[in-house]
Amino acid sequence: MKSDVFTAIKKKTLSEQYEMYIHFKKCKHHNEEAFETLCSELNTIRNGPKRSTLNWKKIFSEWESKVKAKARRIYMEREITGGGVPIIEILNDLERRLLEVLSKVLIYGHPKVIELGFLKCKKLKRAPPTIVARKLYKRKRHLKVPMDLRNLIKDNSKKLVNSLLLIKNSLQALDDAIVNFIKIQE
């Protein structure tokens, strides 16, 4: 008995068995009896592993998950801009055929739902970025700081606030330029 279990785990699922599963997924009847019939047919294939119905379900659900994740990674790689090493993944024929059977919403998302992080924000109104400068609390009297150090900190704090305001204005100008570019492209 142990050797049968070990050989079932050891053997790899054949492409012919995956093809039979894809054909099963194309059919509209997905009940327990039909899947048990499929499992008995899968177990009759020569040189293929023999598994229980529960194990076949596990194998195929893991395969579907891996294929969907791979397709999603490929899709996301095409959507992002450059800057880094590209992911070079290719779907094989069986994986492409499985994706034809599965729902496209699982991989590419719903077409009417805006995904966060992408520039499809035609109707979104943005609030301008704000910088809040907080008033520094008075120092405790027992912490004495030399007067020249206080003046240095005060001057550098003013310079920092001015620099942050310049960055804010630059980012706002960049944001306006991107919005104008999107409007021109439409």
N, C-alpha and C. Protein backbone atom coordinates (compact mmCIF):
# COMPACT_ATOMS: atom_id res chain seq x y z
N MET A 1 0.83 -1.20 0.00
CA MET A 1 0.00 0.00 0.00
C MET A 1 0.86 1.25 0.00
N LYS A 2 1.93 1.25 0.84
CA LYS A 2 2.80 2.42 0.91
C LYS A 2 3.49 2.67 -0.42
N SER A 3 3.89 1.62 -1.10
CA SER A 3 4.59 1.80 -2.38
C SER A 3 3.65 2.39 -3.43
N ASP A 4 2.35 2.04 -3.39
CA ASP A 4 1.39 2.62 -4.33
C ASP A 4 1.25 4.12 -4.12
N VAL A 5 1.18 4.53 -2.86
CA VAL A 5 1.06 5.95 -2.55
C VAL A 5 2.33 6.68 -2.97
N PHE A 6 3.48 6.06 -2.72
CA PHE A 6 4.75 6.70 -3.08
C PHE A 6 4.87 6.87 -4.59
N THR A 7 4.48 5.85 -5.35
CA THR A 7 4.57 5.97 -6.81
C THR A 7 3.57 6.97 -7.34
N ALA A 8 2.41 7.10 -6.70
CA ALA A 8 1.43 8.09 -7.15
C ALA A 8 1.95 9.50 -6.93
N ILE A 9 2.64 9.70 -5.82
CA ILE A 9 3.21 11.03 -5.54
C ILE A 9 4.41 11.28 -6.45
N LYS A 10 5.18 10.22 -6.68
CA LYS A 10 6.41 10.36 -7.45
C LYS A 10 6.14 10.68 -8.92
N LYS A 11 5.12 10.06 -9.50
CA LYS A 11 4.85 10.24 -10.92
C LYS A 11 4.26 11.62 -11.19
N LYS A 12 4.64 12.15 -12.32
CA LYS A 12 4.18 13.47 -12.72
C LYS A 12 2.96 13.32 -13.61
N THR A 13 2.04 14.26 -13.48
CA THR A 13 0.83 14.25 -14.30
C THR A 13 1.22 14.47 -15.75
N LEU A 14 0.68 13.65 -16.63
CA LEU A 14 1.01 13.73 -18.05
C LEU A 14 0.21 14.83 -18.74
N SER A 15 0.75 15.30 -19.85
CA SER A 15 0.04 16.35 -20.60
C SER A 15 -1.29 15.83 -21.13
N GLU A 16 -1.35 14.54 -21.43
CA GLU A 16 -2.60 13.95 -21.90
C GLU A 16 -3.68 14.04 -20.81
N GLN A 17 -3.27 13.87 -19.56
CA GLN A 17 -4.22 13.98 -18.46
C GLN A 17 -4.68 15.43 -18.28
N TYR A 18 -3.75 16.38 -18.45
CA TYR A 18 -4.15 17.79 -18.39
C TYR A 18 -5.12 18.13 -19.52
N GLU A 19 -4.89 17.57 -20.71
CA GLU A 19 -5.79 17.81 -21.84
C GLU A 19 -7.19 17.27 -21.55
N MET A 20 -7.25 16.11 -20.93
CA MET A 20 -8.56 15.55 -20.57
C MET A 20 -9.27 16.45 -19.57
N TYR A 21 -8.52 17.03 -18.63
CA TYR A 21 -9.12 17.94 -17.65
C TYR A 21 -9.63 19.21 -18.34
N ILE A 22 -8.86 19.74 -19.29
CA ILE A 22 -9.30 20.94 -20.02
C ILE A 22 -10.58 20.63 -20.78
N HIS A 23 -10.64 19.46 -21.42
CA HIS A 23 -11.86 19.07 -22.13
C HIS A 23 -13.04 18.96 -21.16
N PHE A 24 -12.78 18.43 -19.97
CA PHE A 24 -13.83 18.33 -18.95
C PHE A 24 -14.31 19.72 -18.53
N LYS A 25 -13.38 20.67 -18.38
CA LYS A 25 -13.76 22.03 -17.97
C LYS A 25 -14.58 22.73 -19.04
N LYS A 26 -14.37 22.37 -20.32
CA LYS A 26 -15.15 22.99 -21.40
C LYS A 26 -16.60 22.55 -21.36
N CYS A 27 -16.84 21.33 -20.86
CA CYS A 27 -18.22 20.84 -20.76
C CYS A 27 -18.96 21.59 -19.67
N LYS A 28 -20.25 21.72 -19.83
CA LYS A 28 -21.04 22.52 -18.89
C LYS A 28 -21.44 21.77 -17.62
N HIS A 29 -21.38 20.46 -17.63
CA HIS A 29 -21.79 19.70 -16.44
C HIS A 29 -20.57 19.44 -15.55
N HIS A 30 -20.56 20.08 -14.40
CA HIS A 30 -19.46 19.92 -13.45
C HIS A 30 -20.01 19.40 -12.12
N ASN A 31 -20.50 18.18 -12.13
CA ASN A 31 -20.98 17.60 -10.87
C ASN A 31 -19.99 16.55 -10.38
N GLU A 32 -20.25 16.05 -9.22
CA GLU A 32 -19.33 15.11 -8.57
C GLU A 32 -19.20 13.81 -9.35
N GLU A 33 -20.32 13.32 -9.88
CA GLU A 33 -20.28 12.05 -10.62
C GLU A 33 -19.46 12.19 -11.90
N ALA A 34 -19.61 13.31 -12.59
CA ALA A 34 -18.85 13.52 -13.82
C ALA A 34 -17.36 13.61 -13.51
N PHE A 35 -17.00 14.25 -12.40
CA PHE A 35 -15.58 14.35 -12.05
C PHE A 35 -15.03 12.98 -11.65
N GLU A 36 -15.82 12.17 -10.97
CA GLU A 36 -15.37 10.81 -10.62
C GLU A 36 -15.15 9.98 -11.88
N THR A 37 -16.01 10.16 -12.87
CA THR A 37 -15.83 9.47 -14.15
C THR A 37 -14.54 9.92 -14.81
N LEU A 38 -14.29 11.23 -14.78
CA LEU A 38 -13.05 11.76 -15.33
C LEU A 38 -11.84 11.16 -14.61
N CYS A 39 -11.91 11.08 -13.29
CA CYS A 39 -10.79 10.52 -12.51
C CYS A 39 -10.53 9.07 -12.88
N SER A 40 -11.59 8.29 -13.07
CA SER A 40 -11.37 6.89 -13.46
C SER A 40 -10.74 6.81 -14.85
N GLU A 41 -11.12 7.72 -15.76
CA GLU A 41 -10.49 7.76 -17.09
C GLU A 41 -9.03 8.20 -16.98
N LEU A 42 -8.76 9.16 -16.10
CA LEU A 42 -7.38 9.62 -15.91
C LEU A 42 -6.50 8.50 -15.37
N ASN A 43 -7.06 7.67 -14.50
CA ASN A 43 -6.29 6.58 -13.90
C ASN A 43 -6.03 5.44 -14.88
N THR A 44 -6.80 5.37 -15.97
CA THR A 44 -6.60 4.29 -16.95
C THR A 44 -5.50 4.61 -17.96
N ILE A 45 -5.01 5.83 -17.97
CA ILE A 45 -3.97 6.21 -18.94
C ILE A 45 -2.68 5.49 -18.59
N ARG A 46 -2.08 4.92 -19.61
CA ARG A 46 -0.85 4.16 -19.43
C ARG A 46 0.30 5.10 -19.08
N ASN A 47 1.17 4.68 -18.20
CA ASN A 47 2.34 5.43 -17.72
C ASN A 47 1.98 6.68 -16.92
N GLY A 48 0.72 6.90 -16.66
CA GLY A 48 0.30 8.06 -15.87
C GLY A 48 0.10 7.67 -14.42
N PRO A 49 0.12 8.64 -13.54
CA PRO A 49 -0.10 8.33 -12.12
C PRO A 49 -1.55 7.96 -11.85
N LYS A 50 -1.74 7.14 -10.86
CA LYS A 50 -3.09 6.75 -10.42
C LYS A 50 -3.35 7.47 -9.10
N ARG A 51 -4.41 8.26 -9.09
CA ARG A 51 -4.72 9.05 -7.89
C ARG A 51 -6.20 8.92 -7.54
N SER A 52 -6.51 9.27 -6.31
CA SER A 52 -7.91 9.29 -5.88
C SER A 52 -8.58 10.56 -6.40
N THR A 53 -9.89 10.61 -6.29
CA THR A 53 -10.64 11.79 -6.75
C THR A 53 -10.20 13.03 -6.00
N LEU A 54 -10.00 12.90 -4.71
CA LEU A 54 -9.56 14.04 -3.90
C LEU A 54 -8.19 14.55 -4.34
N ASN A 55 -7.27 13.62 -4.61
CA ASN A 55 -5.93 14.02 -5.07
C ASN A 55 -5.97 14.68 -6.44
N TRP A 56 -6.82 14.17 -7.33
CA TRP A 56 -6.94 14.81 -8.65
C TRP A 56 -7.49 16.23 -8.52
N LYS A 57 -8.46 16.41 -7.64
CA LYS A 57 -9.00 17.76 -7.42
C LYS A 57 -7.89 18.70 -6.94
N LYS A 58 -7.09 18.20 -6.01
CA LYS A 58 -6.00 19.01 -5.47
C LYS A 58 -4.99 19.35 -6.56
N ILE A 59 -4.61 18.37 -7.36
CA ILE A 59 -3.63 18.58 -8.44
C ILE A 59 -4.13 19.64 -9.41
N PHE A 60 -5.39 19.52 -9.83
CA PHE A 60 -5.90 20.44 -10.84
C PHE A 60 -6.17 21.83 -10.28
N SER A 61 -6.60 21.91 -9.02
CA SER A 61 -6.81 23.25 -8.45
C SER A 61 -5.48 23.98 -8.26
N GLU A 62 -4.43 23.25 -7.86
CA GLU A 62 -3.10 23.86 -7.75
C GLU A 62 -2.59 24.29 -9.12
N TRP A 63 -2.83 23.47 -10.13
CA TRP A 63 -2.38 23.81 -11.48
C TRP A 63 -3.10 25.06 -11.99
N GLU A 64 -4.42 25.12 -11.77
CA GLU A 64 -5.17 26.31 -12.17
C GLU A 64 -4.64 27.56 -11.46
N SER A 65 -4.38 27.45 -10.18
CA SER A 65 -3.86 28.60 -9.42
C SER A 65 -2.51 29.05 -9.96
N LYS A 66 -1.63 28.11 -10.24
CA LYS A 66 -0.31 28.46 -10.76
C LYS A 66 -0.41 29.12 -12.13
N VAL A 67 -1.28 28.60 -12.98
CA VAL A 67 -1.43 29.17 -14.33
C VAL A 67 -2.03 30.57 -14.25
N LYS A 68 -3.04 30.76 -13.39
CA LYS A 68 -3.63 32.09 -13.25
C LYS A 68 -2.62 33.09 -12.70
N ALA A 69 -1.81 32.66 -11.72
CA ALA A 69 -0.80 33.56 -11.16
C ALA A 69 0.26 33.90 -12.21
N LYS A 70 0.65 32.93 -12.99
CA LYS A 70 1.64 33.17 -14.05
C LYS A 70 1.08 34.13 -15.09
N ALA A 71 -0.17 33.93 -15.49
CA ALA A 71 -0.79 34.82 -16.48
C ALA A 71 -0.92 36.23 -15.91
N ARG A 72 -1.24 36.34 -14.65
CA ARG A 72 -1.36 37.66 -14.02
C ARG A 72 0.00 38.36 -13.97
N ARG A 73 1.06 37.63 -13.64
CA ARG A 73 2.40 38.22 -13.63
C ARG A 73 2.79 38.72 -15.02
N ILE A 74 2.49 37.93 -16.05
CA ILE A 74 2.80 38.34 -17.42
C ILE A 74 2.01 39.58 -17.79
N TYR A 75 0.73 39.61 -17.43
CA TYR A 75 -0.12 40.76 -17.73
C TYR A 75 0.38 42.01 -17.01
N MET A 76 0.72 41.88 -15.73
CA MET A 76 1.20 43.04 -14.97
C MET A 76 2.55 43.53 -15.51
N GLU A 77 3.39 42.63 -15.98
CA GLU A 77 4.68 43.02 -16.54
C GLU A 77 4.47 43.86 -17.80
N ARG A 78 3.45 43.51 -18.60
CA ARG A 78 3.18 44.30 -19.81
C ARG A 78 2.59 45.66 -19.47
N GLU A 79 1.91 45.78 -18.34
CA GLU A 79 1.25 47.03 -17.98
C GLU A 79 2.19 48.06 -17.37
N ILE A 80 3.24 47.62 -16.71
CA ILE A 80 4.13 48.57 -16.04
C ILE A 80 5.13 49.14 -17.02
N THR A 81 5.71 50.27 -16.63
CA THR A 81 6.74 50.89 -17.46
C THR A 81 8.09 50.31 -17.11
N GLY A 82 9.11 50.72 -17.82
CA GLY A 82 10.45 50.18 -17.65
C GLY A 82 11.04 50.47 -16.29
N GLY A 83 12.25 50.03 -16.11
CA GLY A 83 12.93 50.26 -14.84
C GLY A 83 13.13 48.97 -14.11
N GLY A 84 14.00 48.15 -14.59
CA GLY A 84 14.26 46.89 -13.91
C GLY A 84 14.34 45.77 -14.92
N VAL A 85 14.66 44.61 -14.43
CA VAL A 85 14.79 43.44 -15.29
C VAL A 85 13.40 42.91 -15.59
N PRO A 86 13.05 42.71 -16.86
CA PRO A 86 11.72 42.20 -17.17
C PRO A 86 11.57 40.72 -16.78
N ILE A 87 10.36 40.36 -16.47
CA ILE A 87 10.06 38.96 -16.16
C ILE A 87 9.82 38.26 -17.50
N ILE A 88 10.60 37.24 -17.76
CA ILE A 88 10.43 36.51 -19.01
C ILE A 88 9.76 35.19 -18.69
N GLU A 89 8.44 35.19 -18.81
CA GLU A 89 7.65 33.99 -18.60
C GLU A 89 6.76 33.81 -19.81
N ILE A 90 6.61 32.60 -20.25
CA ILE A 90 5.79 32.31 -21.42
C ILE A 90 4.83 31.20 -21.05
N LEU A 91 3.58 31.36 -21.46
CA LEU A 91 2.59 30.31 -21.24
C LEU A 91 2.76 29.24 -22.31
N ASN A 92 2.74 27.98 -21.89
CA ASN A 92 2.80 26.92 -22.89
C ASN A 92 1.40 26.68 -23.45
N ASP A 93 1.29 25.75 -24.39
CA ASP A 93 0.03 25.52 -25.09
C ASP A 93 -1.08 25.07 -24.13
N LEU A 94 -0.75 24.15 -23.22
CA LEU A 94 -1.76 23.67 -22.27
C LEU A 94 -2.25 24.80 -21.37
N GLU A 95 -1.33 25.64 -20.91
CA GLU A 95 -1.71 26.75 -20.04
C GLU A 95 -2.60 27.75 -20.78
N ARG A 96 -2.28 28.02 -22.05
CA ARG A 96 -3.12 28.93 -22.84
C ARG A 96 -4.52 28.36 -23.02
N ARG A 97 -4.59 27.06 -23.29
CA ARG A 97 -5.90 26.44 -23.48
C ARG A 97 -6.71 26.43 -22.18
N LEU A 98 -6.03 26.26 -21.05
CA LEU A 98 -6.73 26.32 -19.76
C LEU A 98 -7.28 27.72 -19.52
N LEU A 99 -6.49 28.74 -19.85
CA LEU A 99 -6.94 30.12 -19.65
C LEU A 99 -8.13 30.47 -20.54
N GLU A 100 -8.22 29.85 -21.71
CA GLU A 100 -9.37 30.07 -22.57
C GLU A 100 -10.65 29.58 -21.90
N VAL A 101 -10.53 28.54 -21.11
CA VAL A 101 -11.70 27.97 -20.43
C VAL A 101 -12.05 28.77 -19.18
N LEU A 102 -11.03 29.25 -18.47
CA LEU A 102 -11.26 29.97 -17.21
C LEU A 102 -11.77 31.38 -17.48
N SER A 103 -12.28 32.01 -16.46
CA SER A 103 -12.81 33.37 -16.57
C SER A 103 -11.67 34.37 -16.71
N LYS A 104 -11.80 35.30 -17.65
CA LYS A 104 -10.78 36.32 -17.87
C LYS A 104 -10.75 37.34 -16.74
N VAL A 105 -11.86 37.49 -16.02
CA VAL A 105 -11.93 38.47 -14.93
C VAL A 105 -10.93 38.12 -13.84
N LEU A 106 -10.69 36.84 -13.64
CA LEU A 106 -9.75 36.41 -12.60
C LEU A 106 -8.33 36.88 -12.88
N ILE A 107 -7.99 37.05 -14.14
CA ILE A 107 -6.62 37.41 -14.50
C ILE A 107 -6.49 38.89 -14.81
N TYR A 108 -7.39 39.40 -15.65
CA TYR A 108 -7.25 40.77 -16.13
C TYR A 108 -8.09 41.77 -15.36
N GLY A 109 -8.94 41.32 -14.47
CA GLY A 109 -9.79 42.22 -13.71
C GLY A 109 -11.05 42.56 -14.49
N HIS A 110 -12.01 43.14 -13.79
CA HIS A 110 -13.27 43.53 -14.43
C HIS A 110 -13.04 44.79 -15.25
N PRO A 111 -13.55 44.85 -16.48
CA PRO A 111 -13.27 46.02 -17.34
C PRO A 111 -13.87 47.32 -16.83
N LYS A 112 -14.90 47.26 -16.00
CA LYS A 112 -15.54 48.49 -15.53
C LYS A 112 -15.02 48.95 -14.17
N VAL A 113 -14.09 48.21 -13.59
CA VAL A 113 -13.53 48.57 -12.29
C VAL A 113 -12.15 49.16 -12.50
N ILE A 114 -11.95 50.38 -11.99
CA ILE A 114 -10.66 51.05 -12.11
C ILE A 114 -9.72 50.46 -11.07
N GLU A 115 -8.56 50.03 -11.54
CA GLU A 115 -7.58 49.45 -10.64
C GLU A 115 -6.70 50.56 -10.10
N LEU A 116 -6.45 50.54 -8.82
CA LEU A 116 -5.61 51.56 -8.22
C LEU A 116 -4.17 51.42 -8.71
N GLY A 117 -3.54 52.55 -8.94
CA GLY A 117 -2.15 52.53 -9.36
C GLY A 117 -1.96 52.74 -10.84
N PHE A 118 -3.04 52.78 -11.62
CA PHE A 118 -2.93 53.00 -13.05
C PHE A 118 -3.53 54.35 -13.40
N LEU A 119 -3.12 54.93 -14.51
CA LEU A 119 -3.58 56.25 -14.92
C LEU A 119 -4.85 56.15 -15.75
N LYS A 120 -5.93 55.73 -15.15
CA LYS A 120 -7.23 55.74 -15.78
C LYS A 120 -8.15 56.61 -14.92
N CYS A 121 -7.63 57.75 -14.50
CA CYS A 121 -8.30 58.57 -13.51
C CYS A 121 -8.89 59.83 -14.15
N LYS A 122 -9.65 59.66 -15.20
CA LYS A 122 -10.22 60.77 -15.92
C LYS A 122 -11.20 61.56 -15.05
N LYS A 123 -12.02 60.85 -14.29
CA LYS A 123 -13.08 61.50 -13.52
C LYS A 123 -12.68 61.77 -12.07
N LEU A 124 -11.50 61.37 -11.66
CA LEU A 124 -11.10 61.57 -10.28
C LEU A 124 -10.66 63.01 -10.06
N LYS A 125 -11.09 63.58 -8.96
CA LYS A 125 -10.64 64.92 -8.59
C LYS A 125 -9.61 64.77 -7.49
N ARG A 126 -8.53 65.48 -7.66
CA ARG A 126 -7.45 65.35 -6.69
C ARG A 126 -7.33 66.61 -5.86
N ALA A 127 -7.09 66.41 -4.60
CA ALA A 127 -6.81 67.54 -3.72
C ALA A 127 -5.33 67.87 -3.86
N PRO A 128 -4.99 69.16 -3.84
CA PRO A 128 -3.57 69.50 -3.96
C PRO A 128 -2.80 69.00 -2.75
N PRO A 129 -1.56 68.56 -2.96
CA PRO A 129 -0.77 68.09 -1.83
C PRO A 129 -0.47 69.24 -0.87
N THR A 130 -0.53 68.94 0.39
CA THR A 130 -0.30 69.97 1.40
C THR A 130 0.85 69.57 2.30
N ILE A 131 1.54 70.57 2.78
CA ILE A 131 2.62 70.35 3.74
C ILE A 131 2.23 71.08 5.02
N VAL A 132 2.23 70.36 6.09
CA VAL A 132 1.86 70.95 7.36
C VAL A 132 3.13 71.17 8.18
N ALA A 133 3.37 72.41 8.53
CA ALA A 133 4.51 72.74 9.38
C ALA A 133 3.99 72.88 10.81
N ARG A 134 4.52 72.07 11.70
CA ARG A 134 4.05 72.11 13.08
C ARG A 134 4.93 73.04 13.90
N LYS A 135 4.31 73.63 14.87
CA LYS A 135 5.05 74.50 15.77
C LYS A 135 5.84 73.63 16.74
N LEU A 136 7.10 73.95 16.88
CA LEU A 136 7.94 73.19 17.79
C LEU A 136 7.58 73.53 19.24
N TYR A 137 7.55 72.51 20.06
CA TYR A 137 7.26 72.73 21.47
C TYR A 137 8.49 73.34 22.14
N LYS A 138 8.23 74.07 23.20
CA LYS A 138 9.34 74.66 23.95
C LYS A 138 10.14 73.56 24.60
N ARG A 139 11.43 73.75 24.58
CA ARG A 139 12.31 72.76 25.18
C ARG A 139 12.25 72.86 26.70
N LYS A 140 12.50 71.74 27.31
CA LYS A 140 12.53 71.74 28.77
C LYS A 140 13.76 72.49 29.24
N ARG A 141 13.63 73.13 30.34
CA ARG A 141 14.70 74.01 30.82
C ARG A 141 15.98 73.26 31.19
N HIS A 142 15.84 72.02 31.63
CA HIS A 142 17.05 71.30 32.04
C HIS A 142 17.89 70.85 30.84
N LEU A 143 17.31 70.89 29.62
CA LEU A 143 18.07 70.57 28.42
C LEU A 143 18.55 71.88 27.81
N LYS A 144 19.70 72.30 28.17
CA LYS A 144 20.21 73.57 27.68
C LYS A 144 20.99 73.33 26.39
N VAL A 145 20.60 74.06 25.38
CA VAL A 145 21.27 73.97 24.09
C VAL A 145 21.96 75.31 23.86
N PRO A 146 23.19 75.29 23.41
CA PRO A 146 23.88 76.57 23.16
C PRO A 146 23.10 77.42 22.16
N MET A 147 23.18 78.73 22.33
CA MET A 147 22.41 79.66 21.53
C MET A 147 22.77 79.58 20.04
N ASP A 148 24.04 79.40 19.71
CA ASP A 148 24.42 79.32 18.30
C ASP A 148 23.85 78.06 17.64
N LEU A 149 23.72 76.97 18.40
CA LEU A 149 23.11 75.76 17.86
C LEU A 149 21.62 75.97 17.64
N ARG A 150 20.96 76.67 18.55
CA ARG A 150 19.54 76.99 18.38
C ARG A 150 19.31 77.80 17.11
N ASN A 151 20.15 78.81 16.90
CA ASN A 151 20.00 79.64 15.70
C ASN A 151 20.25 78.82 14.43
N LEU A 152 21.22 77.93 14.48
CA LEU A 152 21.52 77.08 13.34
C LEU A 152 20.33 76.18 13.01
N ILE A 153 19.74 75.59 14.05
CA ILE A 153 18.57 74.73 13.85
C ILE A 153 17.41 75.54 13.30
N LYS A 154 17.19 76.73 13.81
CA LYS A 154 16.10 77.59 13.37
C LYS A 154 16.27 77.96 11.89
N ASP A 155 17.49 78.35 11.50
CA ASP A 155 17.76 78.70 10.11
C ASP A 155 17.57 77.50 9.18
N ASN A 156 18.09 76.35 9.60
CA ASN A 156 17.96 75.16 8.77
C ASN A 156 16.52 74.69 8.68
N SER A 157 15.74 74.89 9.73
CA SER A 157 14.33 74.54 9.69
C SER A 157 13.60 75.39 8.66
N LYS A 158 13.91 76.68 8.62
CA LYS A 158 13.28 77.56 7.63
C LYS A 158 13.68 77.14 6.21
N LYS A 159 14.96 76.79 6.03
CA LYS A 159 15.41 76.35 4.72
C LYS A 159 14.72 75.05 4.31
N LEU A 160 14.53 74.16 5.26
CA LEU A 160 13.86 72.90 4.98
C LEU A 160 12.42 73.13 4.56
N VAL A 161 11.70 74.00 5.27
CA VAL A 161 10.32 74.30 4.92
C VAL A 161 10.25 74.92 3.53
N ASN A 162 11.17 75.84 3.22
CA ASN A 162 11.19 76.45 1.89
C ASN A 162 11.47 75.40 0.81
N SER A 163 12.39 74.49 1.08
CA SER A 163 12.70 73.43 0.12
C SER A 163 11.50 72.52 -0.10
N LEU A 164 10.80 72.20 0.98
CA LEU A 164 9.62 71.35 0.85
C LEU A 164 8.52 72.05 0.06
N LEU A 165 8.38 73.35 0.24
CA LEU A 165 7.39 74.09 -0.54
C LEU A 165 7.75 74.10 -2.03
N LEU A 166 9.04 74.22 -2.34
CA LEU A 166 9.48 74.16 -3.73
C LEU A 166 9.20 72.77 -4.33
N ILE A 167 9.45 71.74 -3.55
CA ILE A 167 9.16 70.38 -4.02
C ILE A 167 7.67 70.21 -4.25
N LYS A 168 6.85 70.75 -3.35
CA LYS A 168 5.40 70.67 -3.49
C LYS A 168 4.96 71.33 -4.78
N ASN A 169 5.48 72.52 -5.06
CA ASN A 169 5.11 73.23 -6.29
C ASN A 169 5.56 72.47 -7.53
N SER A 170 6.74 71.86 -7.47
CA SER A 170 7.24 71.08 -8.61
C SER A 170 6.36 69.86 -8.85
N LEU A 171 5.97 69.19 -7.78
CA LEU A 171 5.10 68.02 -7.91
C LEU A 171 3.74 68.40 -8.46
N GLN A 172 3.23 69.54 -8.03
CA GLN A 172 1.94 70.01 -8.54
C GLN A 172 2.03 70.31 -10.04
N ALA A 173 3.15 70.93 -10.46
CA ALA A 173 3.34 71.22 -11.88
C ALA A 173 3.47 69.92 -12.68
N LEU A 174 4.16 68.94 -12.13
CA LEU A 174 4.29 67.64 -12.79
C LEU A 174 2.94 66.95 -12.90
N ASP A 175 2.14 67.02 -11.85
CA ASP A 175 0.81 66.44 -11.86
C ASP A 175 -0.06 67.10 -12.93
N ASP A 176 -0.01 68.41 -13.02
CA ASP A 176 -0.78 69.13 -14.04
C ASP A 176 -0.33 68.72 -15.44
N ALA A 177 0.98 68.56 -15.63
CA ALA A 177 1.50 68.16 -16.94
C ALA A 177 1.02 66.76 -17.32
N ILE A 178 0.99 65.85 -16.36
CA ILE A 178 0.52 64.49 -16.64
C ILE A 178 -0.95 64.50 -16.99
N VAL A 179 -1.75 65.25 -16.26
CA VAL A 179 -3.19 65.33 -16.55
C VAL A 179 -3.41 65.92 -17.94
N ASN A 180 -2.67 66.97 -18.28
CA ASN A 180 -2.79 67.56 -19.62
C ASN A 180 -2.36 66.58 -20.70
N PHE A 181 -1.31 65.81 -20.45
CA PHE A 181 -0.85 64.81 -21.41
C PHE A 181 -1.92 63.75 -21.63
N ILE A 182 -2.57 63.31 -20.56
CA ILE A 182 -3.63 62.30 -20.67
C ILE A 182 -4.80 62.86 -21.47
N LYS A 183 -5.15 64.11 -21.24
CA LYS A 183 -6.25 64.73 -21.98
C LYS A 183 -5.92 64.82 -23.46
N ILE A 184 -4.67 65.13 -23.78
CA ILE A 184 -4.25 65.22 -25.19
C ILE A 184 -4.32 63.84 -25.85
N GLN A 185 -3.92 62.80 -25.13
CA GLN A 185 -3.92 61.45 -25.68
C GLN A 185 -5.32 60.93 -25.96
N GLU A 186 -6.30 61.41 -25.19
CA GLU A 186 -7.67 60.93 -25.39
C GLU A 186 -8.24 61.62 -26.58
